[in-house]
């Protein structure tokens, strides 16, 4: 069975928010506290995942939420690039 992009928002809505938050928190902490290039790459990988989520959910977000998410994405990319350098 082939998954379409339109089914993804429905699947995201069914995800347990607490579990998603805790898994994301662990991933961010591991990425931030991993030293050097590995930490930078992990941070940029998280940014790529967030960008994919942002693109998927863009149409259902309010303009204020879009601005906040773009700001967080920019900060995450900046942190990843700083860790690489």
Protein backbone atom coordinates (compact mmCIF):
# COMPACT_ATOMS: atom_id res chain seq x y z
CA UNK A 1 0.00 0.00 0.00
CA UNK A 2 1.46 3.33 -1.02
CA UNK A 3 1.30 6.18 1.46
CA UNK A 4 0.35 9.58 0.21
CA UNK A 5 1.37 12.90 1.69
CA UNK A 6 -2.29 13.67 2.42
CA UNK A 7 -2.50 10.77 4.88
CA UNK A 8 0.50 11.98 6.87
CA UNK A 9 -1.27 14.86 8.69
CA UNK A 10 -3.94 12.41 9.83
CA UNK A 11 -1.29 10.08 11.20
CA UNK A 12 0.44 12.97 12.91
CA UNK A 13 -2.81 13.97 14.59
CA UNK A 14 -3.14 10.48 16.07
CA UNK A 15 0.37 10.53 17.59
CA UNK A 16 0.57 10.70 21.37
CA UNK A 17 1.74 14.28 22.13
CA UNK A 18 3.58 13.30 25.32
CA UNK A 19 5.54 10.57 23.57
CA UNK A 20 6.38 12.83 20.64
CA UNK A 21 7.55 15.56 23.04
CA UNK A 22 9.73 13.21 25.11
CA UNK A 23 11.33 11.54 22.08
CA UNK A 24 12.04 14.93 20.52
CA UNK A 25 13.47 16.25 23.79
CA UNK A 26 15.83 13.29 24.06
CA UNK A 27 16.96 13.70 20.44
CA UNK A 28 17.58 17.44 20.88
CA UNK A 29 19.54 16.91 24.11
CA UNK A 30 21.67 14.18 22.54
CA UNK A 31 22.35 16.39 19.51
CA UNK A 32 23.21 19.44 21.64
CA UNK A 33 25.48 17.59 24.07
CA UNK A 34 27.28 15.45 21.49
CA UNK A 35 30.54 17.28 20.84
CA UNK A 36 32.02 18.35 17.54
CA UNK A 37 30.97 17.40 14.05
CA UNK A 38 28.73 14.54 15.18
CA UNK A 39 26.63 16.89 17.31
CA UNK A 40 26.42 19.40 14.48
CA UNK A 41 25.30 16.75 12.02
CA UNK A 42 22.70 15.42 14.45
CA UNK A 43 21.39 18.95 14.99
CA UNK A 44 21.16 19.54 11.24
CA UNK A 45 19.41 16.17 10.86
CA UNK A 46 16.82 17.30 13.41
CA UNK A 47 16.44 20.55 11.47
CA UNK A 48 15.82 18.56 8.28
CA UNK A 49 13.13 16.54 10.05
CA UNK A 50 11.55 19.70 11.36
CA UNK A 51 11.62 21.25 7.88
CA UNK A 52 9.86 18.18 6.48
CA UNK A 53 7.23 18.43 9.21
CA UNK A 54 6.85 22.16 8.54
CA UNK A 55 6.25 21.56 4.83
CA UNK A 56 3.74 18.79 5.57
CA UNK A 57 1.69 20.83 8.03
CA UNK A 58 2.10 24.30 6.46
CA UNK A 59 -1.44 24.54 5.08
CA UNK A 60 -3.13 23.87 8.43
CA UNK A 61 -1.05 26.29 10.53
CA UNK A 62 -1.93 29.87 11.41
CA UNK A 63 0.42 32.63 10.22
CA UNK A 64 1.65 33.19 13.80
CA UNK A 65 2.50 29.51 14.19
CA UNK A 66 4.32 29.53 10.85
CA UNK A 67 6.50 32.45 11.96
CA UNK A 68 7.37 30.76 15.26
CA UNK A 69 8.21 27.48 13.53
CA UNK A 70 10.38 29.24 10.96
CA UNK A 71 12.19 31.05 13.77
CA UNK A 72 12.84 27.80 15.65
CA UNK A 73 14.00 26.13 12.42
CA UNK A 74 16.40 29.01 11.77
CA UNK A 75 17.80 28.77 15.30
CA UNK A 76 18.21 24.99 15.00
CA UNK A 77 20.06 25.31 11.70
CA UNK A 78 22.26 28.06 13.16
CA UNK A 79 23.09 25.92 16.20
CA UNK A 80 23.98 22.98 13.95
CA UNK A 81 26.24 25.10 11.76
CA UNK A 82 27.94 26.65 14.80
CA UNK A 83 28.65 23.16 16.19
CA UNK A 84 30.17 22.14 12.86
CA UNK A 85 32.54 25.09 12.85
